[in-house]
Amino acid sequence: MYEITAGEHSAFTLPALNFRGTPVGVDVRKVMATGSMPRINTGIAHREPGVGMVGAGLLQAPQECFVKAFAALREL
């Protein structure tokens, strides 16, 4: 994710990466240049407080939305 984002968050860090900041700001130009699609970490909490999480997973963003966004940027 670091290769396709604009920067790193200073407050949200990752201990496993020696407290490197989490990647922020997906850059559509970098996505198109590298062909690397963003990963999405999901977590769904139960609607009742205190019940906990009801689902979680990892997925990859679809390429089509970045292709369309990149085309729109080129028209500006």
Protein backbone atom coordinates (compact mmCIF):
# COMPACT_ATOMS: atom_id res chain seq x y z
CA MET A 1 0.00 0.00 0.00
CA TYR A 2 2.88 2.40 0.62
CA GLU A 3 3.77 2.43 -3.09
CA ILE A 4 0.27 3.60 -4.11
CA THR A 5 -0.53 6.12 -1.39
CA ALA A 6 0.26 9.80 -0.94
CA GLY A 7 1.82 9.45 2.51
CA GLU A 8 1.82 7.98 5.98
CA HIS A 9 -0.36 8.85 8.96
CA SER A 10 1.62 10.27 11.88
CA ALA A 11 -0.79 9.16 14.62
CA PHE A 12 -1.79 5.68 13.41
CA THR A 13 1.34 3.57 13.39
CA LEU A 14 2.10 -0.12 12.94
CA PRO A 15 4.22 -1.72 15.68
CA ALA A 16 5.07 -4.67 13.42
CA LEU A 17 6.65 -2.20 10.98
CA ASN A 18 8.75 -0.42 13.60
CA PHE A 19 5.91 2.08 14.17
CA ARG A 20 5.81 3.22 10.57
CA GLY A 21 2.70 5.29 9.82
CA THR A 22 -0.24 3.61 8.14
CA PRO A 23 -0.57 4.36 4.43
CA VAL A 24 -3.11 7.11 3.66
CA GLY A 25 -4.49 8.76 0.54
CA VAL A 26 -4.68 6.25 -2.30
CA ASP A 27 -3.28 8.01 -5.39
CA VAL A 28 -5.07 6.87 -8.54
CA ARG A 29 -2.06 7.84 -10.66
CA LYS A 30 0.19 5.54 -8.64
CA VAL A 31 -2.38 2.74 -8.83
CA MET A 32 -2.45 2.99 -12.61
CA ALA A 33 1.33 3.24 -12.91
CA THR A 34 2.00 0.18 -10.75
CA GLY A 35 -1.11 -1.89 -11.47
CA SER A 36 -1.32 -2.55 -7.74
CA MET A 37 -4.88 -2.37 -6.40
CA PRO A 38 -5.53 -1.21 -2.82
CA ARG A 39 -6.28 -3.78 -0.12
CA ILE A 40 -9.27 -3.15 2.13
CA ASN A 41 -9.46 -4.45 5.70
CA THR A 42 -13.06 -4.71 6.85
CA GLY A 43 -14.59 -5.17 10.26
CA ILE A 44 -18.29 -5.14 11.01
CA ALA A 45 -19.52 -4.53 14.54
CA HIS A 46 -22.81 -5.84 15.84
CA ARG A 47 -25.61 -3.28 16.09
CA GLU A 48 -25.98 -4.02 19.81
CA PRO A 49 -23.22 -2.46 21.94
CA GLY A 50 -20.99 -4.98 23.67
CA VAL A 51 -21.91 -7.92 21.44
CA GLY A 52 -18.70 -7.65 19.43
CA MET A 53 -17.70 -8.14 15.85
CA VAL A 54 -19.92 -10.10 13.46
CA GLY A 55 -17.62 -10.19 10.46
CA ALA A 56 -14.19 -9.32 9.15
CA GLY A 57 -12.15 -9.82 6.03
CA LEU A 58 -9.66 -8.60 3.48
CA LEU A 59 -10.54 -7.71 -0.06
CA GLN A 60 -9.07 -5.95 -3.05
CA ALA A 61 -10.66 -2.89 -4.63
CA PRO A 62 -11.92 -3.44 -8.19
CA GLN A 63 -9.66 -2.11 -10.93
CA GLU A 64 -12.51 -0.58 -12.93
CA CYS A 65 -13.14 2.23 -10.44
CA PHE A 66 -9.50 3.34 -10.71
CA VAL A 67 -9.53 3.16 -14.51
CA LYS A 68 -12.60 5.42 -14.58
CA ALA A 69 -11.16 7.81 -11.98
CA PHE A 70 -7.90 8.07 -13.91
CA ALA A 71 -9.79 8.82 -17.14
CA ALA A 72 -11.79 11.53 -15.35
CA LEU A 73 -8.59 13.11 -14.02
CA ARG A 74 -7.11 13.22 -17.51
CA GLU A 75 -10.11 15.26 -18.68
CA LEU A 76 -9.48 18.02 -16.13
